[in-house]
C-alpha atoms as a PDB file:
ATOM      1  CA  UNK A   1     -20.826-146.241 216.343  1.00  0.00           C
ATOM      2  CA  UNK A   2     -18.829-145.727 213.161  1.00  0.00           C
ATOM      3  CA  UNK A   3     -15.808-147.920 212.527  1.00  0.00           C
ATOM      4  CA  UNK A   4     -13.033-147.803 209.969  1.00  0.00           C
ATOM      5  CA  UNK A   5     -14.677-150.815 208.284  1.00  0.00           C
ATOM      6  CA  UNK A   6     -17.222-148.273 206.973  1.00  0.00           C
ATOM      7  CA  UNK A   7     -14.580-146.146 205.215  1.00  0.00           C
ATOM      8  CA  UNK A   8     -15.403-145.181 201.624  1.00  0.00           C
ATOM      9  CA  UNK A   9     -11.810-145.992 200.629  1.00  0.00           C
ATOM     10  CA  UNK A  10     -11.861-149.506 202.085  1.00  0.00           C
ATOM     11  CA  UNK A  11     -10.558-151.892 199.456  1.00  0.00           C
ATOM     12  CA  UNK A  12      -8.989-149.165 197.287  1.00  0.00           C
ATOM     13  CA  UNK A  13      -5.406-149.513 196.149  1.00  0.00           C
ATOM     14  CA  UNK A  14      -3.439-147.660 198.838  1.00  0.00           C
ATOM     15  CA  UNK A  15      -1.195-146.001 196.258  1.00  0.00           C
ATOM     16  CA  UNK A  16      -4.245-144.161 194.896  1.00  0.00           C
ATOM     17  CA  UNK A  17      -4.295-141.999 198.027  1.00  0.00           C
ATOM     18  CA  UNK A  18      -0.656-140.898 197.668  1.00  0.00           C
ATOM     19  CA  UNK A  19      -0.888-139.159 194.294  1.00  0.00           C
ATOM     20  CA  UNK A  20       0.704-135.816 193.449  1.00  0.00           C
ATOM     21  CA  UNK A  21      -1.859-135.124 190.697  1.00  0.00           C
ATOM     22  CA  UNK A  22      -3.972-132.088 191.755  1.00  0.00           C
ATOM     23  CA  UNK A  23      -7.062-133.319 189.887  1.00  0.00           C
ATOM     24  CA  UNK A  24      -6.821-136.735 191.514  1.00  0.00           C
ATOM     25  CA  UNK A  25      -6.403-135.105 194.937  1.00  0.00           C
ATOM     26  CA  UNK A  26      -9.606-133.109 194.376  1.00  0.00           C
ATOM     27  CA  UNK A  27     -11.464-136.323 193.547  1.00  0.00           C
ATOM     28  CA  UNK A  28     -10.061-138.088 196.612  1.00  0.00           C
ATOM     29  CA  UNK A  29     -11.107-135.183 198.825  1.00  0.00           C
ATOM     30  CA  UNK A  30     -14.610-135.408 197.325  1.00  0.00           C
ATOM     31  CA  UNK A  31     -14.764-139.096 198.242  1.00  0.00           C
ATOM     32  CA  UNK A  32     -13.647-138.279 201.784  1.00  0.00           C
ATOM     33  CA  UNK A  33     -16.330-135.618 202.245  1.00  0.00           C
ATOM     34  CA  UNK A  34     -19.012-138.317 201.965  1.00  0.00           C
ATOM     35  CA  UNK A  35     -17.177-140.802 204.202  1.00  0.00           C
ATOM     36  CA  UNK A  36     -18.749-141.646 207.579  1.00  0.00           C
ATOM     37  CA  UNK A  37     -15.314-142.089 209.205  1.00  0.00           C
ATOM     38  CA  UNK A  38     -13.701-138.953 207.800  1.00  0.00           C
ATOM     39  CA  UNK A  39     -13.135-137.300 211.180  1.00  0.00           C
ATOM     40  CA  UNK A  40     -11.791-140.482 212.783  1.00  0.00           C
ATOM     41  CA  UNK A  41      -9.427-140.962 209.846  1.00  0.00           C
ATOM     42  CA  UNK A  42      -8.206-137.387 210.084  1.00  0.00           C
ATOM     43  CA  UNK A  43      -7.725-137.596 213.855  1.00  0.00           C
ATOM     44  CA  UNK A  44      -5.764-140.828 213.527  1.00  0.00           C
ATOM     45  CA  UNK A  45      -3.501-139.392 210.820  1.00  0.00           C
ATOM     46  CA  UNK A  46      -2.886-136.169 212.752  1.00  0.00           C
ATOM     47  CA  UNK A  47      -1.905-138.219 215.800  1.00  0.00           C
ATOM     48  CA  UNK A  48       0.387-140.398 213.667  1.00  0.00           C
ATOM     49  CA  UNK A  49       2.089-137.403 212.027  1.00  0.00           C
ATOM     50  CA  UNK A  50       2.473-135.558 215.323  1.00  0.00           C
ATOM     51  CA  UNK A  51       4.705-132.531 214.903  1.00  0.00           C
ATOM     52  CA  UNK A  52       6.126-133.671 211.556  1.00  0.00           C
ATOM     53  CA  UNK A  53       6.988-130.893 209.179  1.00  0.00           C
ATOM     54  CA  UNK A  54       5.119-130.235 205.974  1.00  0.00           C
ATOM     55  CA  UNK A  55       7.604-132.247 203.908  1.00  0.00           C
ATOM     56  CA  UNK A  56       7.102-135.360 206.062  1.00  0.00           C
ATOM     57  CA  UNK A  57       3.360-135.708 205.406  1.00  0.00           C
ATOM     58  CA  UNK A  58       2.028-137.751 202.518  1.00  0.00           C
ATOM     59  CA  UNK A  59      -1.298-138.780 201.010  1.00  0.00           C
ATOM     60  CA  UNK A  60      -4.886-137.695 201.392  1.00  0.00           C
ATOM     61  CA  UNK A  61      -6.367-138.579 204.783  1.00  0.00           C
ATOM     62  CA  UNK A  62      -9.631-137.381 206.270  1.00  0.00           C
ATOM     63  CA  UNK A  63     -10.227-135.248 203.210  1.00  0.00           C
ATOM     64  CA  UNK A  64      -7.081-133.167 203.628  1.00  0.00           C
ATOM     65  CA  UNK A  65      -3.858-132.989 201.660  1.00  0.00           C
ATOM     66  CA  UNK A  66      -0.480-133.070 203.440  1.00  0.00           C
ATOM     67  CA  UNK A  67      -0.196-129.267 203.392  1.00  0.00           C
ATOM     68  CA  UNK A  68      -3.743-128.849 204.703  1.00  0.00           C
ATOM     69  CA  UNK A  69      -3.047-131.285 207.558  1.00  0.00           C
ATOM     70  CA  UNK A  70       0.192-129.478 208.400  1.00  0.00           C
ATOM     71  CA  UNK A  71      -1.665-126.149 208.589  1.00  0.00           C
ATOM     72  CA  UNK A  72      -4.430-127.686 210.700  1.00  0.00           C
ATOM     73  CA  UNK A  73      -1.908-129.293 213.058  1.00  0.00           C
ATOM     74  CA  UNK A  74      -0.193-125.910 213.497  1.00  0.00           C
ATOM     75  CA  UNK A  75      -3.531-124.214 214.195  1.00  0.00           C
ATOM     76  CA  UNK A  76      -4.467-126.875 216.722  1.00  0.00           C
ATOM     77  CA  UNK A  77      -1.066-126.684 218.379  1.00  0.00           C
ATOM     78  CA  UNK A  78      -1.158-122.898 218.565  1.00  0.00           C
ATOM     79  CA  UNK A  79      -4.685-122.867 220.018  1.00  0.00           C
ATOM     80  CA  UNK A  80      -4.003-125.546 222.649  1.00  0.00           C
ATOM     81  CA  UNK A  81      -3.016-123.928 225.962  1.00  0.00           C
ATOM     82  CA  UNK A  82      -0.968-126.961 227.016  1.00  0.00           C
ATOM     83  CA  UNK A  83       1.269-126.865 223.935  1.00  0.00           C
ATOM     84  CA  UNK A  84       1.626-129.470 221.177  1.00  0.00           C
ATOM     85  CA  UNK A  85      -0.909-132.251 220.784  1.00  0.00           C
END
C-alpha cells in the first residue's frame, strides 16, 4: 500500500508547488510523474477543490496544473451519470 509519506515532494517547501513560472511548473509535473502517490494526491486535491472554478484552483497537485485539474474535473463531472462528484 502506498501512503502519502512516500510522496516525492515530501519535505519540499510548500511554496515551491504554487509557482506561476511555466518552466518551474513543467519541472514540478516531471517530479510528479515519477511519484508513487501521484494518483492519490490528484484524487485528494480534486475532492478538496470540488466544483471550484478555474480561478479558485492553485498549485501543482498530482502532476496537473490548476487549469488541467479544472478541465479534468469538468470531464469527470460530465461523464458521471449521477452528476457532480
